[in-house]
Protein backbone atom coordinates (compact mmCIF):
# COMPACT_ATOMS: atom_id res chain seq x y z
CA MET A 1 -24.62 -64.04 -1.03
CA VAL A 2 -23.21 -60.68 -2.23
CA THR A 3 -25.53 -57.98 -3.51
CA THR A 4 -24.47 -55.82 -6.44
CA ASP A 5 -26.44 -52.76 -5.28
CA SER A 6 -23.85 -51.72 -2.65
CA ALA A 7 -20.84 -51.72 -5.00
CA PRO A 8 -22.07 -49.05 -7.44
CA TYR A 9 -23.27 -46.84 -4.57
CA TRP A 10 -19.91 -47.12 -2.83
CA ILE A 11 -17.99 -46.36 -6.03
CA MET A 12 -20.23 -43.42 -6.92
CA HIS A 13 -20.10 -42.05 -3.38
CA ARG A 14 -16.29 -42.30 -3.25
CA THR A 15 -15.87 -40.90 -6.78
CA GLY A 16 -18.19 -38.01 -5.97
CA ARG A 17 -16.17 -37.22 -2.86
CA VAL A 18 -12.90 -37.26 -4.83
CA ILE A 19 -14.36 -34.96 -7.50
CA VAL A 20 -15.61 -32.52 -4.85
CA LEU A 21 -12.20 -32.51 -3.12
CA CYS A 22 -10.41 -31.89 -6.44
CA PHE A 23 -12.79 -29.05 -7.27
CA MET A 24 -12.26 -27.46 -3.85
CA PHE A 25 -8.46 -27.75 -4.26
CA LEU A 26 -8.53 -26.13 -7.72
CA LEU A 27 -10.82 -23.35 -6.52
CA GLY A 28 -8.58 -22.65 -3.52
CA THR A 29 -5.44 -22.69 -5.67
CA ALA A 30 -6.92 -20.31 -8.25
CA SER A 31 -8.00 -17.78 -5.63
CA GLY A 32 -4.58 -18.04 -3.93
CA VAL A 33 -2.74 -17.30 -7.18
CA ALA A 34 -5.03 -14.37 -7.98
CA ALA A 35 -4.43 -12.94 -4.51
CA GLN A 36 -0.65 -13.05 -4.98
CA THR A 37 -0.48 -10.69 -7.98
CA THR A 38 -1.51 -7.09 -8.42
CA THR A 39 -1.03 -4.15 -10.77
CA ALA A 40 1.87 -1.80 -10.08
CA PHE A 41 1.94 1.74 -11.47
CA GLN A 42 5.00 3.41 -12.98
CA THR A 43 6.82 5.87 -10.72
CA GLY A 44 9.93 6.59 -12.77
CA GLU A 45 12.60 5.38 -15.15
CA ARG A 46 16.38 5.56 -15.66
CA ILE A 47 18.57 4.82 -18.69
CA ARG A 48 21.84 2.92 -18.22
CA GLY A 49 23.64 2.52 -21.55
CA GLN A 50 21.44 0.29 -23.73
CA VAL A 51 18.99 -0.56 -20.90
CA LYS A 52 16.14 1.43 -19.41
CA ASP A 53 15.04 0.62 -15.84
CA CYS A 54 11.32 1.20 -15.27
CA PHE A 55 10.27 1.65 -11.64
CA TYR A 56 6.84 0.72 -10.25
CA GLU A 57 4.97 0.83 -6.94
CA ALA A 58 2.16 -1.39 -5.66
CA LEU A 59 0.80 -1.50 -2.12
CA GLY A 60 3.88 0.18 -0.69
CA GLN A 61 6.35 -2.17 -2.42
CA GLU A 62 8.74 -1.06 -5.17
CA TYR A 63 9.40 -3.11 -8.30
CA SER A 64 11.54 -2.62 -11.40
CA LEU A 65 11.47 -3.84 -14.99
CA SER A 66 14.28 -3.52 -17.54
CA VAL A 67 13.58 -2.81 -21.22
CA GLY A 68 15.64 -1.62 -24.19
CA ALA A 69 16.87 1.98 -23.92
CA TYR A 70 14.64 3.10 -26.80
CA GLU A 71 11.50 1.23 -25.68
CA LEU A 72 8.69 2.87 -23.73
CA CYS A 73 8.13 1.76 -20.16
CA PRO A 74 4.66 0.26 -19.70
CA LEU A 75 2.46 2.49 -17.51
CA THR A 76 1.49 -0.54 -15.43
CA ALA A 77 3.07 -3.91 -14.68
CA ARG A 78 1.58 -7.09 -13.26
CA VAL A 79 3.69 -8.01 -10.21
CA ARG A 80 3.76 -10.79 -7.68
CA LEU A 81 3.38 -9.49 -4.14
CA SER A 82 6.33 -10.08 -1.86
CA TYR A 83 5.47 -10.57 1.77
CA GLN A 84 8.59 -9.36 3.50
CA VAL A 85 8.96 -7.88 6.91
CA PRO A 86 9.19 -4.16 6.26
CA ALA A 87 12.65 -2.78 6.84
CA PRO A 88 12.96 0.28 9.00
CA ALA A 89 12.82 3.55 7.06
CA ALA A 90 16.13 5.03 5.96
CA THR A 91 17.19 8.41 4.65
CA ALA A 92 18.32 8.44 1.01
CA PHE A 93 20.54 11.29 -0.14
CA LYS A 94 20.43 12.93 -3.54
CA THR A 95 23.04 11.67 -6.02
CA GLY A 96 21.85 13.49 -9.13
CA GLU A 97 18.98 14.71 -11.26
CA ARG A 98 17.99 14.64 -14.92
CA ARG A 99 15.41 16.71 -16.78
CA ARG A 100 13.23 15.01 -19.40
CA GLY A 101 10.92 17.52 -21.04
CA SER A 102 8.37 18.65 -18.47
CA VAL A 103 9.50 16.22 -15.74
CA LYS A 104 12.66 15.76 -13.71
CA ASP A 105 14.07 12.50 -12.28
CA CYS A 106 15.70 12.90 -8.88
CA TYR A 107 18.17 10.12 -8.02
CA TYR A 108 18.90 8.99 -4.46
CA ARG A 109 21.00 6.34 -2.72
CA ALA A 110 20.57 4.73 0.70
CA LEU A 111 22.08 1.58 2.19
CA GLY A 112 23.39 0.38 -1.18
CA HIS A 113 20.06 0.84 -3.02
CA ASP A 114 19.22 3.38 -5.69
CA TYR A 115 15.90 5.23 -5.75
CA VAL A 116 14.33 7.59 -8.26
CA SER A 117 11.56 10.12 -7.84
CA THR A 118 9.88 11.85 -10.79
CA ILE A 119 8.65 15.41 -10.22
CA SER A 120 7.73 18.43 -12.30
CA ALA A 121 10.71 19.95 -14.12
CA PHE A 122 10.06 23.27 -12.34
CA GLU A 123 10.34 21.78 -8.83
CA LEU A 124 13.56 21.36 -6.88
CA CYS A 125 14.72 17.88 -5.95
CA PRO A 126 14.85 17.46 -2.16
CA LEU A 127 18.36 16.84 -0.84
CA SER A 128 17.13 13.76 1.02
CA VAL A 129 14.01 11.57 1.16
CA GLU A 130 12.74 8.85 3.49
CA VAL A 131 12.68 5.42 1.84
CA PRO A 132 11.41 2.08 3.10
């Protein structure tokens, strides 16, 4: 003779376990996604024809965002962290400078990459800088 009391308990117990596992998975996924993004702060900008490149820095990593030449660069940008092995530091040499009101953009190039540093318009751009 089969009792009906064990079937509902087994189903409820198994269903409860599945719900708990799904909840734990969703909670773990949400915290993992939140940990992968952060806010980067603007460090400079450069205009190339009809495009403006906005440069940002977050936790030692550099990021860029392109907007229309006449648009304002956002002061902050939400970025996804990239976990790369840090490259050895290199020396970037000055390729130019541009004054914009009370600030000056100093342009540098190293190992095929362009870098920009924004300083006060009254300061001199260093001839070289260390870049990551």
